[in-house]
Amino acid sequence: MTTARAHRDPLPGFGLSLGVTLAWLSLIVLVPLSALALRPWELGVSGVIRALSDARVLAALRLSFGSALLSALANLPLGLLVAWVLVRMRFPGRRLLDAMVDLPFALPTAVAGLALTALFAPNGWLGAPLKEIGVAVAYTPFGVFVAMMFVGLPFAVRTVEPVLRDLGTEAEEAAATLGAGRAQALVRVVLPALAPALLTGFGLAFARAVGEYGSVIFIAGNRPMVSEIAPLLIVQRLEAFDYAGAAAIGLAMLAVSFLALLLLGLVQAWLRPGRRG
């Protein structure tokens, strides 16, 4: 009987640990998400469709997801470059640069938003010279993009950095001995090895940017149909006690984000060694 029990329970305490884990996840994840999924239907199907088909809501969703997608894409090469510099190069101030990468994690989002607004305002340090050449950042959709890039960059850097460090230079040196140039080694050896990490960084940066609020609302200007983000609309619905309408917008954001992350997960699985035929 002891042998049979050991065969059934390969890990001591597995059943109890799994039960506690599922119960905890249910309390902090599944129950709130279930409430979010159920609350909009108080309006009925037609009410949910009407809430989501409002022109102002569609414009806000388009801005939030479009800017999040573009900022995550822009952070891919930038994050790779920063990670490459931190891993492969040694120079004075490297530790300072490494610490600055995590600055968006440490700063309260409202402080980050105020700092970006002061920097890119028409009379700011960067906003004034940009205004001279006809580029407006603050209080425009471009400002939303800049703020989302700021909060998403650490994810792109920190997911690639450990993989790049473990990769080493052996594969590049082997490619060089076979006659490959630096560009060929980068494209055919390094980037394929980093592709899953790059996709992970992209997904994390995208997810963070979509739901970002504090660092975006100050620089966005919040002009309806122009620079108003979806999280702000949710807050406005809540302040007006339209809880079902706010939940409808939140449910739409949750569904689109889930589908995007699911697609990224499938692509990552396909990119794993041995999965491609």
Protein backbone atom coordinates (compact mmCIF):
# COMPACT_ATOMS: atom_id res chain seq x y z
CA MET A 1 0.00 0.00 0.00
CA THR A 2 2.87 2.35 0.75
CA THR A 3 4.32 1.73 -2.69
CA ALA A 4 0.98 2.38 -4.36
CA ARG A 5 0.47 5.61 -2.40
CA ALA A 6 3.97 6.77 -3.35
CA HIS A 7 3.12 6.01 -6.97
CA ARG A 8 -0.08 8.04 -6.76
CA ASP A 9 1.57 10.99 -4.97
CA PRO A 10 4.96 11.61 -6.61
CA LEU A 11 5.29 14.95 -4.79
CA PRO A 12 4.61 15.03 -1.04
CA GLY A 13 1.86 17.50 -0.28
CA PHE A 14 1.05 18.04 -3.95
CA GLY A 15 -2.70 17.83 -3.47
CA LEU A 16 -2.75 20.31 -0.59
CA SER A 17 -0.39 22.72 -2.37
CA LEU A 18 -2.46 22.59 -5.56
CA GLY A 19 -5.67 23.17 -3.61
CA VAL A 20 -4.26 26.19 -1.77
CA THR A 21 -2.86 27.61 -5.02
CA LEU A 22 -6.15 27.25 -6.88
CA ALA A 23 -8.12 28.73 -3.98
CA TRP A 24 -5.77 31.71 -3.75
CA LEU A 25 -5.84 32.31 -7.50
CA SER A 26 -9.62 32.09 -7.46
CA LEU A 27 -9.87 34.76 -4.76
CA ILE A 28 -7.47 37.26 -6.30
CA VAL A 29 -7.96 36.57 -10.04
CA LEU A 30 -10.97 34.50 -11.03
CA VAL A 31 -13.57 36.09 -8.73
CA PRO A 32 -12.77 39.70 -9.75
CA LEU A 33 -12.62 38.73 -13.42
CA SER A 34 -15.93 36.89 -13.11
CA ALA A 35 -17.51 39.98 -11.58
CA LEU A 36 -16.12 42.08 -14.44
CA ALA A 37 -17.48 39.63 -17.00
CA LEU A 38 -20.97 39.47 -15.47
CA ARG A 39 -21.60 43.10 -14.50
CA PRO A 40 -22.00 44.58 -18.04
CA TRP A 41 -24.86 42.22 -18.88
CA GLU A 42 -27.07 44.13 -16.48
CA LEU A 43 -27.52 46.43 -19.46
CA GLY A 44 -28.63 43.55 -21.65
CA VAL A 45 -27.03 42.54 -24.93
CA SER A 46 -28.31 45.65 -26.70
CA GLY A 47 -27.09 47.86 -23.86
CA VAL A 48 -23.58 46.37 -23.98
CA ILE A 49 -23.45 46.80 -27.75
CA ARG A 50 -24.68 50.37 -27.43
CA ALA A 51 -22.09 51.15 -24.73
CA LEU A 52 -19.23 49.76 -26.80
CA SER A 53 -20.34 51.18 -30.14
CA ASP A 54 -20.35 54.76 -28.85
CA ALA A 55 -18.01 56.83 -31.02
CA ARG A 56 -16.15 58.22 -28.02
CA VAL A 57 -15.57 54.73 -26.58
CA LEU A 58 -14.37 53.37 -29.92
CA ALA A 59 -11.96 56.29 -30.32
CA ALA A 60 -10.57 55.74 -26.82
CA LEU A 61 -10.15 51.99 -27.37
CA ARG A 62 -8.48 52.61 -30.72
CA LEU A 63 -6.06 55.07 -29.14
CA SER A 64 -5.25 52.83 -26.16
CA PHE A 65 -4.65 49.65 -28.13
CA GLY A 66 -3.07 51.35 -31.13
CA SER A 67 -0.62 53.35 -29.03
CA ALA A 68 0.15 50.31 -26.86
CA LEU A 69 0.90 48.22 -29.94
CA LEU A 70 3.11 50.87 -31.53
CA SER A 71 4.98 51.57 -28.28
CA ALA A 72 5.61 47.86 -27.69
CA LEU A 73 6.91 47.49 -31.25
CA ALA A 74 9.16 50.53 -30.82
CA ASN A 75 10.49 49.15 -27.54
CA LEU A 76 11.63 45.90 -29.20
CA PRO A 77 14.72 47.29 -31.00
CA LEU A 78 15.33 49.86 -28.27
CA GLY A 79 15.12 47.25 -25.52
CA LEU A 80 17.41 44.91 -27.47
CA LEU A 81 19.94 47.71 -27.95
CA VAL A 82 19.93 48.66 -24.25
CA ALA A 83 20.21 45.02 -23.18
CA TRP A 84 23.07 44.48 -25.64
CA VAL A 85 24.95 47.49 -24.26
CA LEU A 86 24.45 46.36 -20.65
CA VAL A 87 25.52 42.76 -21.30
CA ARG A 88 28.24 43.02 -23.94
CA MET A 89 29.93 46.34 -23.12
CA ARG A 90 31.88 47.72 -20.19
CA PHE A 91 32.07 51.50 -19.77
CA PRO A 92 31.96 54.15 -17.04
CA GLY A 93 28.41 54.75 -15.87
CA ARG A 94 27.17 51.30 -16.86
CA ARG A 95 25.72 50.61 -13.40
CA LEU A 96 23.96 53.97 -13.47
CA LEU A 97 22.40 53.12 -16.83
CA ASP A 98 21.38 49.72 -15.49
CA ALA A 99 19.64 51.37 -12.54
CA MET A 100 17.92 53.94 -14.78
CA VAL A 101 16.27 51.15 -16.78
CA ASP A 102 14.22 50.24 -13.71
CA LEU A 103 13.23 53.83 -13.02
CA PRO A 104 9.70 53.44 -14.49
CA PHE A 105 9.16 50.58 -12.03
CA ALA A 106 10.14 52.70 -9.04
CA LEU A 107 8.42 55.97 -9.94
CA PRO A 108 4.75 56.42 -9.02
CA THR A 109 2.87 56.62 -12.28
CA ALA A 110 1.48 60.08 -11.51
CA VAL A 111 5.00 61.40 -10.88
CA ALA A 112 6.16 59.91 -14.18
CA GLY A 113 3.23 61.55 -15.96
CA LEU A 114 3.96 64.94 -14.44
CA ALA A 115 7.65 64.65 -15.31
CA LEU A 116 6.93 63.71 -18.92
CA THR A 117 4.40 66.52 -19.24
CA ALA A 118 6.85 69.09 -17.88
CA LEU A 119 9.54 67.79 -20.21
CA PHE A 120 7.46 67.70 -23.40
CA ALA A 121 5.12 70.64 -22.76
CA PRO A 122 5.32 73.45 -25.36
CA ASN A 123 7.60 75.38 -22.98
CA GLY A 124 9.46 72.33 -21.66
CA TRP A 125 13.10 71.38 -22.14
CA LEU A 126 12.32 69.06 -25.03
CA GLY A 127 8.90 70.37 -25.97
CA ALA A 128 10.12 73.87 -26.85
CA PRO A 129 12.75 72.80 -29.45
CA LEU A 130 10.35 70.21 -30.85
CA LYS A 131 7.70 72.88 -31.20
CA GLU A 132 10.13 74.94 -33.26
CA ILE A 133 10.26 72.18 -35.88
CA GLY A 134 6.50 71.62 -35.77
CA VAL A 135 6.38 68.52 -33.55
CA ALA A 136 3.84 68.57 -30.71
CA VAL A 137 4.10 65.86 -28.05
CA ALA A 138 2.21 66.92 -24.94
CA TYR A 139 -1.59 66.88 -25.14
CA THR A 140 -1.58 64.83 -28.34
CA PRO A 141 -1.83 61.12 -29.23
CA PHE A 142 1.94 61.23 -29.75
CA GLY A 143 2.29 62.07 -26.05
CA VAL A 144 0.29 58.93 -25.21
CA PHE A 145 2.72 56.92 -27.33
CA VAL A 146 5.75 58.48 -25.57
CA ALA A 147 4.35 57.78 -22.10
CA MET A 148 3.58 54.16 -23.02
CA MET A 149 7.09 53.71 -24.38
CA PHE A 150 8.47 55.03 -21.09
CA VAL A 151 6.56 52.55 -18.92
CA GLY A 152 7.10 49.60 -21.27
CA LEU A 153 10.85 49.85 -21.94
CA PRO A 154 11.99 48.03 -18.75
CA PHE A 155 9.99 44.95 -19.73
CA ALA A 156 11.67 44.81 -23.15
CA VAL A 157 15.12 45.16 -21.57
CA ARG A 158 14.78 42.84 -18.57
CA THR A 159 13.29 39.92 -20.51
CA VAL A 160 16.05 39.96 -23.13
CA GLU A 161 18.99 40.68 -20.83
CA PRO A 162 19.28 37.28 -19.03
CA VAL A 163 18.82 35.32 -22.26
CA LEU A 164 21.49 37.40 -23.99
CA ARG A 165 23.83 36.88 -21.03
CA ASP A 166 23.32 33.10 -21.10
CA LEU A 167 23.76 33.01 -24.87
CA GLY A 168 27.34 34.22 -24.62
CA THR A 169 29.49 34.80 -27.67
CA GLU A 170 30.34 31.20 -28.58
CA ALA A 171 27.63 30.88 -31.21
CA GLU A 172 28.66 34.15 -32.88
CA GLU A 173 32.32 33.08 -32.87
CA ALA A 174 31.38 29.73 -34.43
CA ALA A 175 29.40 31.54 -37.12
CA ALA A 176 32.39 33.81 -37.76
CA THR A 177 34.69 30.81 -38.24
CA LEU A 178 32.25 29.55 -40.90
CA GLY A 179 32.55 32.81 -42.78
CA ALA A 180 29.51 34.70 -41.49
CA GLY A 181 29.79 38.46 -41.06
CA ARG A 182 28.61 40.35 -38.00
CA ALA A 183 25.26 41.18 -39.59
CA GLN A 184 24.72 37.57 -40.69
CA ALA A 185 25.59 36.25 -37.24
CA LEU A 186 23.18 38.71 -35.66
CA VAL A 187 20.30 37.87 -38.01
CA ARG A 188 20.79 34.11 -38.25
CA VAL A 189 22.20 33.22 -34.84
CA VAL A 190 21.47 35.82 -32.18
CA LEU A 191 18.00 37.05 -33.13
CA PRO A 192 16.45 33.56 -33.51
CA ALA A 193 17.79 32.64 -30.05
CA LEU A 194 16.37 35.85 -28.60
CA ALA A 195 13.03 35.70 -30.42
CA PRO A 196 11.01 34.07 -27.56
CA ALA A 197 12.40 36.58 -25.05
CA LEU A 198 11.69 39.47 -27.41
CA LEU A 199 8.11 38.29 -27.81
CA THR A 200 7.75 38.02 -24.04
CA GLY A 201 9.05 41.55 -23.60
CA PHE A 202 6.70 42.75 -26.32
CA GLY A 203 3.71 41.11 -24.66
CA LEU A 204 4.54 42.49 -21.21
CA ALA A 205 5.15 46.00 -22.57
CA PHE A 206 1.90 45.85 -24.53
CA ALA A 207 -0.13 44.65 -21.54
CA ARG A 208 1.36 47.31 -19.26
CA ALA A 209 0.74 50.09 -21.80
CA VAL A 210 -2.88 49.14 -22.49
CA GLY A 211 -3.88 49.52 -18.85
CA GLU A 212 -1.60 52.45 -18.04
CA TYR A 213 -3.39 55.40 -16.47
CA GLY A 214 -1.36 57.66 -14.19
CA SER A 215 1.60 58.33 -16.48
CA VAL A 216 -0.63 58.89 -19.53
CA ILE A 217 -3.51 61.12 -18.45
CA PHE A 218 -1.31 64.14 -17.68
CA ILE A 219 0.54 64.20 -20.99
CA ALA A 220 -2.46 63.10 -23.08
CA GLY A 221 -4.56 66.18 -22.52
CA ASN A 222 -7.66 63.94 -22.46
CA ARG A 223 -9.41 65.56 -25.41
CA PRO A 224 -12.48 63.48 -26.37
CA MET A 225 -12.11 61.72 -29.71
CA VAL A 226 -8.47 62.86 -29.93
CA SER A 227 -6.28 61.98 -26.94
CA GLU A 228 -8.64 60.32 -24.48
CA ILE A 229 -7.60 56.83 -23.35
CA ALA A 230 -9.98 54.00 -22.46
CA PRO A 231 -8.95 53.71 -18.76
CA LEU A 232 -9.94 57.35 -18.30
CA LEU A 233 -13.39 56.61 -19.73
CA ILE A 234 -13.74 53.78 -17.22
CA VAL A 235 -12.91 56.16 -14.37
CA GLN A 236 -15.41 58.70 -15.69
CA ARG A 237 -18.14 56.04 -15.90
CA LEU A 238 -17.41 55.00 -12.32
CA GLU A 239 -17.58 58.60 -11.10
CA ALA A 240 -20.98 58.87 -12.79
CA PHE A 241 -22.07 55.63 -11.01
CA ASP A 242 -22.42 53.88 -14.36
CA TYR A 243 -20.80 50.71 -13.08
CA ALA A 244 -22.21 48.48 -15.81
CA GLY A 245 -20.98 50.84 -18.53
CA ALA A 246 -17.51 50.98 -16.97
CA ALA A 247 -17.45 47.19 -16.71
CA ALA A 248 -18.45 46.91 -20.39
CA ILE A 249 -15.41 48.94 -21.45
CA GLY A 250 -13.20 46.97 -19.06
CA LEU A 251 -14.53 43.68 -20.43
CA ALA A 252 -13.76 44.76 -23.99
CA MET A 253 -10.21 45.68 -22.98
CA LEU A 254 -9.82 42.37 -21.15
CA ALA A 255 -11.04 40.35 -24.13
CA VAL A 256 -8.79 42.08 -26.67
CA SER A 257 -5.75 41.88 -24.35
CA PHE A 258 -6.39 38.18 -23.67
CA LEU A 259 -6.64 37.38 -27.37
CA ALA A 260 -3.45 39.32 -28.09
CA LEU A 261 -1.50 37.56 -25.33
CA LEU A 262 -2.91 34.18 -26.40
CA LEU A 263 -1.70 34.80 -29.94
CA LEU A 264 1.74 35.77 -28.64
CA GLY A 265 1.83 32.59 -26.56
CA LEU A 266 1.06 30.47 -29.62
CA VAL A 267 3.79 32.21 -31.61
CA GLN A 268 6.25 31.65 -28.75
CA ALA A 269 5.38 27.95 -28.64
CA TRP A 270 5.99 27.71 -32.37
CA LEU A 271 9.37 29.42 -32.04
CA ARG A 272 10.68 27.01 -29.40
CA PRO A 273 13.48 24.72 -30.62
CA GLY A 274 12.16 21.45 -31.96
CA ARG A 275 8.62 22.76 -32.55
CA ARG A 276 9.17 24.02 -36.07
CA GLY A 277 9.07 21.36 -38.71
